[in-house]
C-alpha atoms as a PDB file:
ATOM      1  CA  MET A   1      53.504  49.273  80.203  1.00  0.00           C
ATOM      2  CA  LYS A   2      50.021  50.291  79.441  1.00  0.00           C
ATOM      3  CA  ASN A   3      47.330  50.991  82.061  1.00  0.00           C
ATOM      4  CA  ILE A   4      43.850  50.042  80.909  1.00  0.00           C
ATOM      5  CA  LEU A   5      40.555  50.621  82.671  1.00  0.00           C
ATOM      6  CA  LEU A   6      37.827  48.248  82.216  1.00  0.00           C
ATOM      7  CA  PRO A   7      34.401  49.038  83.695  1.00  0.00           C
ATOM      8  CA  THR A   8      32.031  46.254  83.987  1.00  0.00           C
ATOM      9  CA  ASP A   9      28.412  45.617  85.111  1.00  0.00           C
ATOM     10  CA  PHE A  10      29.093  41.667  84.885  1.00  0.00           C
ATOM     11  CA  SER A  11      26.685  41.775  81.747  1.00  0.00           C
ATOM     12  CA  GLU A  12      27.697  39.717  78.709  1.00  0.00           C
ATOM     13  CA  ASN A  13      28.263  42.992  76.827  1.00  0.00           C
ATOM     14  CA  SER A  14      30.806  44.292  79.355  1.00  0.00           C
ATOM     15  CA  ILE A  15      32.678  41.000  79.685  1.00  0.00           C
ATOM     16  CA  ASN A  16      32.838  40.862  75.855  1.00  0.00           C
ATOM     17  CA  ALA A  17      34.627  44.294  75.891  1.00  0.00           C
ATOM     18  CA  ILE A  18      37.052  42.872  78.513  1.00  0.00           C
ATOM     19  CA  LYS A  19      37.950  39.803  76.382  1.00  0.00           C
ATOM     20  CA  TYR A  20      38.384  42.111  73.210  1.00  0.00           C
ATOM     21  CA  ALA A  21      40.912  44.389  75.491  1.00  0.00           C
ATOM     22  CA  LEU A  22      42.724  41.287  76.357  1.00  0.00           C
ATOM     23  CA  ARG A  23      43.147  40.189  72.782  1.00  0.00           C
ATOM     24  CA  PHE A  24      43.849  43.574  71.553  1.00  0.00           C
ATOM     25  CA  PHE A  25      46.772  44.071  73.736  1.00  0.00           C
ATOM     26  CA  GLU A  26      47.760  40.504  73.668  1.00  0.00           C
ATOM     27  CA  LYS A  27      51.428  41.308  72.854  1.00  0.00           C
ATOM     28  CA  ARG A  28      51.900  44.204  75.079  1.00  0.00           C
ATOM     29  CA  ASN A  29      52.574  44.275  78.802  1.00  0.00           C
ATOM     30  CA  CYS A  30      49.576  45.766  80.544  1.00  0.00           C
ATOM     31  CA  THR A  31      48.032  46.390  83.755  1.00  0.00           C
ATOM     32  CA  PHE A  32      44.141  45.965  83.496  1.00  0.00           C
ATOM     33  CA  TYR A  33      41.849  47.467  86.132  1.00  0.00           C
ATOM     34  CA  LEU A  34      38.495  46.020  86.323  1.00  0.00           C
ATOM     35  CA  LEU A  35      35.993  48.362  87.795  1.00  0.00           C
ATOM     36  CA  HIS A  36      32.454  47.894  89.330  1.00  0.00           C
ATOM     37  CA  THR A  37      30.690  50.647  90.873  1.00  0.00           C
ATOM     38  CA  PHE A  38      27.421  50.417  92.758  1.00  0.00           C
ATOM     39  CA  THR A  39      24.911  52.058  94.843  1.00  0.00           C
ATOM     40  CA  PRO A  40      22.381  49.952  96.963  1.00  0.00           C
ATOM     41  CA  ALA A  41      19.487  51.827  95.399  1.00  0.00           C
ATOM     42  CA  ALA A  42      20.321  50.173  92.179  1.00  0.00           C
ATOM     43  CA  TYR A  43      19.948  46.730  93.598  1.00  0.00           C
ATOM     44  CA  HIS A  44      16.712  45.051  94.320  1.00  0.00           C
ATOM     45  CA  SER A  45      15.971  44.723  97.995  1.00  0.00           C
ATOM     46  CA  GLY A  46      14.946  41.102  97.959  1.00  0.00           C
ATOM     47  CA  LYS A  47      14.389  38.795 100.887  1.00  0.00           C
ATOM     48  CA  ALA A  48      18.250  38.459 101.430  1.00  0.00           C
ATOM     49  CA  PHE A  49      18.523  42.203 102.132  1.00  0.00           C
ATOM     50  CA  GLN A  50      15.111  43.128 103.702  1.00  0.00           C
ATOM     51  CA  ASN A  51      16.310  43.333 107.478  1.00  0.00           C
ATOM     52  CA  PHE A  52      19.923  45.098 106.587  1.00  0.00           C
ATOM     53  CA  THR A  53      20.585  48.387 107.630  1.00  0.00           C
ATOM     54  CA  SER A  54      22.110  50.854 105.010  1.00  0.00           C
ATOM     55  CA  MET A  55      25.674  50.229 106.038  1.00  0.00           C
ATOM     56  CA  GLU A  56      25.058  46.416 106.138  1.00  0.00           C
ATOM     57  CA  LEU A  57      23.560  46.633 102.587  1.00  0.00           C
ATOM     58  CA  VAL A  58      26.528  48.568 101.390  1.00  0.00           C
ATOM     59  CA  HIS A  59      28.973  45.929 102.835  1.00  0.00           C
ATOM     60  CA  ALA A  60      26.909  42.992 101.586  1.00  0.00           C
ATOM     61  CA  THR A  61      26.538  44.642  98.174  1.00  0.00           C
ATOM     62  CA  ARG A  62      30.326  45.218  98.104  1.00  0.00           C
ATOM     63  CA  ASP A  63      31.113  41.564  99.195  1.00  0.00           C
ATOM     64  CA  ALA A  64      28.746  40.104  96.600  1.00  0.00           C
ATOM     65  CA  ALA A  65      30.109  42.169  93.851  1.00  0.00           C
ATOM     66  CA  ALA A  66      33.902  41.632  94.987  1.00  0.00           C
ATOM     67  CA  GLU A  67      33.141  37.842  94.898  1.00  0.00           C
ATOM     68  CA  ARG A  68      32.014  38.123  91.345  1.00  0.00           C
ATOM     69  CA  ILE A  69      34.684  40.212  89.999  1.00  0.00           C
ATOM     70  CA  LYS A  70      37.283  37.942  91.446  1.00  0.00           C
ATOM     71  CA  ASN A  71      35.659  35.001  89.846  1.00  0.00           C
ATOM     72  CA  LEU A  72      35.560  36.797  86.644  1.00  0.00           C
ATOM     73  CA  ILE A  73      39.429  37.354  86.706  1.00  0.00           C
ATOM     74  CA  THR A  74      40.076  33.685  87.638  1.00  0.00           C
ATOM     75  CA  ASN A  75      37.958  32.762  84.644  1.00  0.00           C
ATOM     76  CA  LEU A  76      39.963  35.215  82.387  1.00  0.00           C
ATOM     77  CA  LYS A  77      43.370  34.241  83.634  1.00  0.00           C
ATOM     78  CA  ALA A  78      42.356  30.631  82.829  1.00  0.00           C
ATOM     79  CA  GLU A  79      41.053  31.430  79.369  1.00  0.00           C
ATOM     80  CA  PHE A  80      43.824  33.741  78.347  1.00  0.00           C
ATOM     81  CA  ASN A  81      46.986  32.650  80.592  1.00  0.00           C
ATOM     82  CA  ASN A  82      48.982  35.599  79.406  1.00  0.00           C
ATOM     83  CA  PRO A  83      52.136  36.414  81.712  1.00  0.00           C
ATOM     84  CA  GLN A  84      52.277  39.817  80.134  1.00  0.00           C
ATOM     85  CA  HIS A  85      48.986  40.807  81.650  1.00  0.00           C
ATOM     86  CA  HIS A  86      48.293  41.885  85.232  1.00  0.00           C
ATOM     87  CA  LEU A  87      44.620  41.884  86.235  1.00  0.00           C
ATOM     88  CA  LYS A  88      43.437  43.930  89.102  1.00  0.00           C
ATOM     89  CA  TRP A  89      40.094  44.849  90.528  1.00  0.00           C
ATOM     90  CA  VAL A  90      38.332  47.662  92.157  1.00  0.00           C
ATOM     91  CA  VAL A  91      34.690  47.608  93.615  1.00  0.00           C
ATOM     92  CA  ASP A  92      33.477  50.976  94.726  1.00  0.00           C
ATOM     93  CA  PHE A  93      30.317  52.377  96.342  1.00  0.00           C
ATOM     94  CA  ASN A  94      30.091  55.265  93.961  1.00  0.00           C
ATOM     95  CA  LEU A  95      28.894  56.803  90.727  1.00  0.00           C
ATOM     96  CA  LEU A  96      30.366  55.250  87.527  1.00  0.00           C
ATOM     97  CA  ILE A  97      31.767  58.332  85.870  1.00  0.00           C
ATOM     98  CA  GLY A  98      33.065  59.846  89.048  1.00  0.00           C
ATOM     99  CA  LYS A  99      34.781  56.648  89.748  1.00  0.00           C
ATOM    100  CA  ILE A 100      36.334  56.597  86.443  1.00  0.00           C
ATOM    101  CA  ARG A 101      37.702  60.144  86.544  1.00  0.00           C
ATOM    102  CA  SER A 102      39.316  59.574  89.808  1.00  0.00           C
ATOM    103  CA  MET A 103      41.000  56.226  88.609  1.00  0.00           C
ATOM    104  CA  VAL A 104      42.225  57.885  85.331  1.00  0.00           C
ATOM    105  CA  LYS A 105      44.304  60.144  87.493  1.00  0.00           C
ATOM    106  CA  GLU A 106      45.260  57.811  90.396  1.00  0.00           C
ATOM    107  CA  LYS A 107      46.187  54.857  88.128  1.00  0.00           C
ATOM    108  CA  ASN A 108      47.555  56.873  85.060  1.00  0.00           C
ATOM    109  CA  ILE A 109      45.123  55.251  82.870  1.00  0.00           C
ATOM    110  CA  ASP A 110      46.098  55.382  79.246  1.00  0.00           C
ATOM    111  CA  LEU A 111      42.877  53.953  77.642  1.00  0.00           C
ATOM    112  CA  ILE A 112      39.426  52.967  78.912  1.00  0.00           C
ATOM    113  CA  ILE A 113      37.547  50.030  77.100  1.00  0.00           C
ATOM    114  CA  MET A 114      33.755  49.614  77.477  1.00  0.00           C
ATOM    115  CA  GLY A 115      31.108  47.610  75.928  1.00  0.00           C
ATOM    116  CA  THR A 116      28.166  49.419  74.424  1.00  0.00           C
ATOM    117  CA  GLN A 117      24.373  48.712  75.052  1.00  0.00           C
ATOM    118  CA  GLY A 118      24.057  47.417  71.528  1.00  0.00           C
ATOM    119  CA  ALA A 119      23.803  48.345  67.800  1.00  0.00           C
ATOM    120  CA  THR A 120      21.780  45.520  66.275  1.00  0.00           C
ATOM    121  CA  GLY A 121      19.624  47.409  64.226  1.00  0.00           C
ATOM    122  CA  ALA A 122      19.795  50.333  61.861  1.00  0.00           C
ATOM    123  CA  LYS A 123      17.251  52.457  64.031  1.00  0.00           C
ATOM    124  CA  GLU A 124      19.527  51.915  67.315  1.00  0.00           C
ATOM    125  CA  ILE A 125      21.921  54.339  68.899  1.00  0.00           C
ATOM    126  CA  PHE A 126      25.590  52.914  68.872  1.00  0.00           C
ATOM    127  CA  LEU A 127      26.707  54.449  72.051  1.00  0.00           C
ATOM    128  CA  GLY A 128      25.059  53.455  75.338  1.00  0.00           C
ATOM    129  CA  THR A 129      24.511  56.137  78.077  1.00  0.00           C
ATOM    130  CA  HIS A 130      27.596  55.236  80.197  1.00  0.00           C
ATOM    131  CA  THR A 131      29.890  55.116  77.222  1.00  0.00           C
ATOM    132  CA  MET A 132      28.506  58.396  75.873  1.00  0.00           C
ATOM    133  CA  TYR A 133      29.117  60.232  79.221  1.00  0.00           C
ATOM    134  CA  THR A 134      32.612  58.720  79.772  1.00  0.00           C
ATOM    135  CA  ILE A 135      33.497  60.099  76.411  1.00  0.00           C
ATOM    136  CA  LYS A 136      32.043  63.433  77.092  1.00  0.00           C
ATOM    137  CA  LYS A 137      33.179  63.813  80.782  1.00  0.00           C
ATOM    138  CA  VAL A 138      36.410  61.732  81.035  1.00  0.00           C
ATOM    139  CA  ASN A 139      39.680  63.138  80.086  1.00  0.00           C
ATOM    140  CA  CYS A 140      41.030  59.768  78.581  1.00  0.00           C
ATOM    141  CA  PRO A 141      40.851  57.995  75.376  1.00  0.00           C
ATOM    142  CA  VAL A 142      37.804  55.580  75.039  1.00  0.00           C
ATOM    143  CA  LEU A 143      37.369  52.674  73.105  1.00  0.00           C
ATOM    144  CA  ALA A 144      33.769  51.350  72.647  1.00  0.00           C
ATOM    145  CA  VAL A 145      33.192  47.818  71.793  1.00  0.00           C
ATOM    146  CA  PRO A 146      29.863  46.980  70.298  1.00  0.00           C
ATOM    147  CA  SER A 147      27.656  44.494  71.929  1.00  0.00           C
ATOM    148  CA  GLY A 148      28.256  40.868  70.479  1.00  0.00           C
ATOM    149  CA  TYR A 149      31.248  42.103  68.420  1.00  0.00           C
ATOM    150  CA  HIS A 150      33.691  39.151  67.934  1.00  0.00           C
ATOM    151  CA  TYR A 151      37.486  40.150  67.853  1.00  0.00           C
ATOM    152  CA  LYS A 152      38.933  40.508  64.777  1.00  0.00           C
ATOM    153  CA  LYS A 153      42.605  41.713  64.382  1.00  0.00           C
ATOM    154  CA  PRO A 154      42.664  45.453  63.296  1.00  0.00           C
ATOM    155  CA  GLU A 155      44.110  45.205  59.909  1.00  0.00           C
ATOM    156  CA  GLU A 156      42.244  48.193  58.455  1.00  0.00           C
ATOM    157  CA  ILE A 157      41.895  51.517  60.720  1.00  0.00           C
ATOM    158  CA  LEU A 158      39.813  54.482  59.770  1.00  0.00           C
ATOM    159  CA  PHE A 159      40.692  57.955  61.257  1.00  0.00           C
ATOM    160  CA  ALA A 160      37.733  60.250  60.374  1.00  0.00           C
ATOM    161  CA  THR A 161      38.667  63.924  60.608  1.00  0.00           C
ATOM    162  CA  ASP A 162      37.908  67.538  59.518  1.00  0.00           C
ATOM    163  CA  TYR A 163      41.401  68.376  59.930  1.00  0.00           C
ATOM    164  CA  LYS A 164      40.654  71.376  62.104  1.00  0.00           C
ATOM    165  CA  ILE A 165      42.300  69.719  65.249  1.00  0.00           C
ATOM    166  CA  LEU A 166      45.606  67.937  65.355  1.00  0.00           C
ATOM    167  CA  ARG A 167      47.834  67.733  68.077  1.00  0.00           C
ATOM    168  CA  SER A 168      51.381  66.142  68.620  1.00  0.00           C
ATOM    169  CA  GLN A 169      49.663  63.471  70.925  1.00  0.00           C
ATOM    170  CA  ASP A 170      47.163  62.660  68.266  1.00  0.00           C
ATOM    171  CA  LEU A 171      49.993  61.854  65.799  1.00  0.00           C
ATOM    172  CA  ARG A 172      51.612  59.650  68.339  1.00  0.00           C
ATOM    173  CA  PHE A 173      48.579  57.968  69.355  1.00  0.00           C
ATOM    174  CA  LEU A 174      47.725  57.040  65.861  1.00  0.00           C
ATOM    175  CA  GLU A 175      51.323  55.846  65.251  1.00  0.00           C
ATOM    176  CA  TYR A 176      51.113  53.667  68.369  1.00  0.00           C
ATOM    177  CA  TYR A 177      47.792  51.981  67.293  1.00  0.00           C
ATOM    178  CA  ILE A 178      48.773  51.392  63.763  1.00  0.00           C
ATOM    179  CA  GLY A 179      51.870  49.747  64.783  1.00  0.00           C
ATOM    180  CA  LEU A 180      50.342  47.680  67.380  1.00  0.00           C
ATOM    181  CA  HIS A 181      48.847  45.423  64.670  1.00  0.00           C
ATOM    182  CA  SER A 182      50.723  46.595  61.581  1.00  0.00           C
ATOM    183  CA  ALA A 183      47.489  48.003  60.330  1.00  0.00           C
ATOM    184  CA  ARG A 184      46.821  50.052  57.346  1.00  0.00           C
ATOM    185  CA  LEU A 185      45.638  53.515  58.086  1.00  0.00           C
ATOM    186  CA  HIS A 186      42.801  55.250  56.097  1.00  0.00           C
ATOM    187  CA  ILE A 187      42.318  58.898  56.765  1.00  0.00           C
ATOM    188  CA  LEU A 188      39.012  60.048  55.749  1.00  0.00           C
ATOM    189  CA  ASN A 189      38.081  63.870  55.253  1.00  0.00           C
ATOM    190  CA  VAL A 190      34.402  64.308  56.516  1.00  0.00           C
ATOM    191  CA  TYR A 191      33.791  67.418  54.992  1.00  0.00           C
ATOM    192  CA  THR A 192      33.743  67.856  51.287  1.00  0.00           C
ATOM    193  CA  GLU A 193      34.299  71.618  51.301  1.00  0.00           C
ATOM    194  CA  ASN A 194      37.607  73.058  50.535  1.00  0.00           C
ATOM    195  CA  LEU A 195      40.211  73.055  53.234  1.00  0.00           C
ATOM    196  CA  ASP A 196      41.571  76.283  54.747  1.00  0.00           C
ATOM    197  CA  GLU A 197      45.158  76.966  55.245  1.00  0.00           C
ATOM    198  CA  GLN A 198      45.306  75.418  58.769  1.00  0.00           C
ATOM    199  CA  GLN A 199      43.385  72.364  57.580  1.00  0.00           C
ATOM    200  CA  ARG A 200      45.845  71.802  54.679  1.00  0.00           C
ATOM    201  CA  GLU A 201      48.597  72.063  57.077  1.00  0.00           C
ATOM    202  CA  HIS A 202      47.312  69.650  59.373  1.00  0.00           C
ATOM    203  CA  ARG A 203      46.806  67.339  56.544  1.00  0.00           C
ATOM    204  CA  LYS A 204      50.531  67.822  55.353  1.00  0.00           C
ATOM    205  CA  GLN A 205      51.440  66.948  59.097  1.00  0.00           C
ATOM    206  CA  LEU A 206      49.701  63.743  59.122  1.00  0.00           C
ATOM    207  CA  SER A 207      51.291  62.600  55.717  1.00  0.00           C
ATOM    208  CA  GLU A 208      54.778  63.584  56.769  1.00  0.00           C
ATOM    209  CA  PHE A 209      54.562  62.196  60.314  1.00  0.00           C
ATOM    210  CA  LEU A 210      52.874  58.726  59.200  1.00  0.00           C
ATOM    211  CA  LYS A 211      54.859  58.545  55.860  1.00  0.00           C
ATOM    212  CA  ASP A 212      56.380  55.256  56.919  1.00  0.00           C
ATOM    213  CA  ARG A 213      53.121  53.709  57.470  1.00  0.00           C
ATOM    214  CA  LYS A 214      51.822  54.854  53.988  1.00  0.00           C
ATOM    215  CA  PRO A 215      48.406  56.169  55.241  1.00  0.00           C
ATOM    216  CA  VAL A 216      45.647  56.270  52.389  1.00  0.00           C
ATOM    217  CA  PHE A 217      43.815  59.628  52.155  1.00  0.00           C
ATOM    218  CA  HIS A 218      40.039  59.827  51.279  1.00  0.00           C
ATOM    219  CA  LEU A 219      37.248  62.105  50.805  1.00  0.00           C
ATOM    220  CA  THR A 220      33.668  61.580  51.806  1.00  0.00           C
ATOM    221  CA  GLU A 221      30.982  61.811  49.144  1.00  0.00           C
ATOM    222  CA  GLY A 222      27.447  63.259  49.852  1.00  0.00           C
ATOM    223  CA  ASP A 223      26.056  65.590  52.143  1.00  0.00           C
ATOM    224  CA  ASP A 224      25.124  63.356  54.969  1.00  0.00           C
ATOM    225  CA  ILE A 225      28.372  63.038  57.028  1.00  0.00           C
ATOM    226  CA  PRO A 226      27.274  60.031  59.200  1.00  0.00           C
ATOM    227  CA  GLU A 227      25.993  58.117  56.344  1.00  0.00           C
ATOM    228  CA  ALA A 228      29.174  58.476  54.338  1.00  0.00           C
ATOM    229  CA  VAL A 229      31.394  57.465  57.300  1.00  0.00           C
ATOM    230  CA  GLU A 230      29.192  54.516  57.887  1.00  0.00           C
ATOM    231  CA  ALA A 231      29.312  53.539  54.177  1.00  0.00           C
ATOM    232  CA  PHE A 232      33.063  53.987  53.984  1.00  0.00           C
ATOM    233  CA  GLN A 233      33.524  51.845  56.823  1.00  0.00           C
ATOM    234  CA  LYS A 234      31.454  48.855  55.420  1.00  0.00           C
ATOM    235  CA  GLU A 235      32.969  49.247  51.880  1.00  0.00           C
ATOM    236  CA  ASN A 236      36.520  49.188  53.189  1.00  0.00           C
ATOM    237  CA  ASN A 237      35.965  46.496  55.780  1.00  0.00           C
ATOM    238  CA  ILE A 238      37.245  48.690  58.553  1.00  0.00           C
ATOM    239  CA  ASP A 239      38.069  46.988  61.718  1.00  0.00           C
ATOM    240  CA  LEU A 240      38.579  49.996  63.928  1.00  0.00           C
ATOM    241  CA  MET A 241      37.305  53.529  63.726  1.00  0.00           C
ATOM    242  CA  MET A 242      39.120  56.411  65.467  1.00  0.00           C
ATOM    243  CA  MET A 243      38.182  60.181  65.868  1.00  0.00           C
ATOM    244  CA  VAL A 244      39.216  63.307  68.014  1.00  0.00           C
ATOM    245  CA  HIS A 245      36.358  64.572  69.988  1.00  0.00           C
ATOM    246  CA  LYS A 246      36.007  68.135  70.931  1.00  0.00           C
ATOM    247  CA  LYS A 247      32.986  69.755  72.271  1.00  0.00           C
ATOM    248  CA  HIS A 248      30.673  71.151  69.420  1.00  0.00           C
ATOM    249  CA  SER A 249      32.828  69.302  66.973  1.00  0.00           C
ATOM    250  CA  PHE A 250      31.584  67.223  64.094  1.00  0.00           C
ATOM    251  CA  PHE A 251      31.993  64.034  66.233  1.00  0.00           C
ATOM    252  CA  GLU A 252      29.456  65.648  68.749  1.00  0.00           C
ATOM    253  CA  ASN A 253      27.131  66.785  66.330  1.00  0.00           C
ATOM    254  CA  ILE A 254      27.034  63.265  64.898  1.00  0.00           C
ATOM    255  CA  LEU A 255      26.833  61.260  68.349  1.00  0.00           C
ATOM    256  CA  PHE A 256      25.055  63.539  70.543  1.00  0.00           C
ATOM    257  CA  LYS A 257      22.073  65.149  68.712  1.00  0.00           C
ATOM    258  CA  PRO A 258      18.904  64.776  70.512  1.00  0.00           C
ATOM    259  CA  VAL A 259      17.615  61.157  69.795  1.00  0.00           C
ATOM    260  CA  ILE A 260      14.588  62.401  67.588  1.00  0.00           C
ATOM    261  CA  ASN A 261      16.971  63.860  65.201  1.00  0.00           C
ATOM    262  CA  GLN A 262      19.621  61.367  65.000  1.00  0.00           C
ATOM    263  CA  LEU A 263      18.566  57.572  65.215  1.00  0.00           C
ATOM    264  CA  VAL A 264      20.370  56.127  62.169  1.00  0.00           C
ATOM    265  CA  TYR A 265      24.261  56.474  62.661  1.00  0.00           C
ATOM    266  CA  HIS A 266      25.737  53.678  64.362  1.00  0.00           C
ATOM    267  CA  THR A 267      28.785  51.371  63.816  1.00  0.00           C
ATOM    268  CA  ASN A 268      29.217  47.667  63.953  1.00  0.00           C
ATOM    269  CA  VAL A 269      33.110  47.908  64.646  1.00  0.00           C
ATOM    270  CA  PRO A 270      34.967  48.942  67.784  1.00  0.00           C
ATOM    271  CA  PHE A 271      35.217  52.721  68.041  1.00  0.00           C
ATOM    272  CA  MET A 272      38.233  54.939  69.689  1.00  0.00           C
ATOM    273  CA  VAL A 273      37.666  58.406  70.594  1.00  0.00           C
ATOM    274  CA  MET A 274      40.582  60.769  71.602  1.00  0.00           C
ATOM    275  CA  PRO A 275      39.516  63.507  73.916  1.00  0.00           C
ATOM    276  CA  VAL A 276      40.242  67.304  73.495  1.00  0.00           C
ATOM    277  CA  ARG A 277      39.515  68.998  76.720  1.00  0.00           C
ATOM    278  CA  GLU A 278      39.296  72.615  77.438  1.00  0.00           C
ATOM    279  CA  LYS A 279      41.104  73.764  80.628  1.00  0.00           C
ATOM    280  CA  GLN A 280      38.012  74.563  82.662  1.00  0.00           C
ATOM    281  CA  SER A 281      36.445  71.241  81.955  1.00  0.00           C
ATOM    282  CA  GLU A 282      39.342  69.380  83.324  1.00  0.00           C
ATOM    283  CA  GLN A 283      39.094  70.912  86.983  1.00  0.00           C
END
């Protein structure tokens, strides 16, 4: 059984990601945890709340959110009607990232699936703030689903790598998600410089471990790595992109540069990130 965490703010964007998750794992036995966090300061103190004390406001906000999330689950069950899926919910007076981190530990979460704030234009950033911080701060794989993306079975998967990091769990992770939809795996070297001995060994390990899946190896062309990855994704009709994220890695350099320096990189397909955490950051 897979344990999947689905944060939601009840926006169309987050509900779209939830529906993507239910279809993505439609043939697997899964428990989905729908999570909504709130702070009263984030809510407008309208007429209905003007005379509430602070604690009354917390309870009223929680009750309203609980009612919304239960209605959402009722609608999802009616739409998908999948006996292999178990939908649970959590509403908490908390900050989102802190609650996600605690739930990952408490519920043995295997994957977090989140909607993004949109990538509708070439000058917009793909990852929304919450998604970005979840990737950076939470020790759990994250699958980001672009706003408005309509589910398509992942038949072509892209793993973009510089071959500098490759762990046994990465190999198993790739194998699982390739097999989940019998997809073809494209492995893209995001650097054009010559590989060193360790990088060549990692490439060999990938080839040998996944030989039954017949992965296709590629090299980028050009000096601009983000543009090369995006061009490859579009030219090869990629349905799902995957990367390993380590602090100061090429992935972070691509996605987390200051906005003024990095406005053009985005993707129109779901994007899965496998984290690498230093011990001190896991405390």
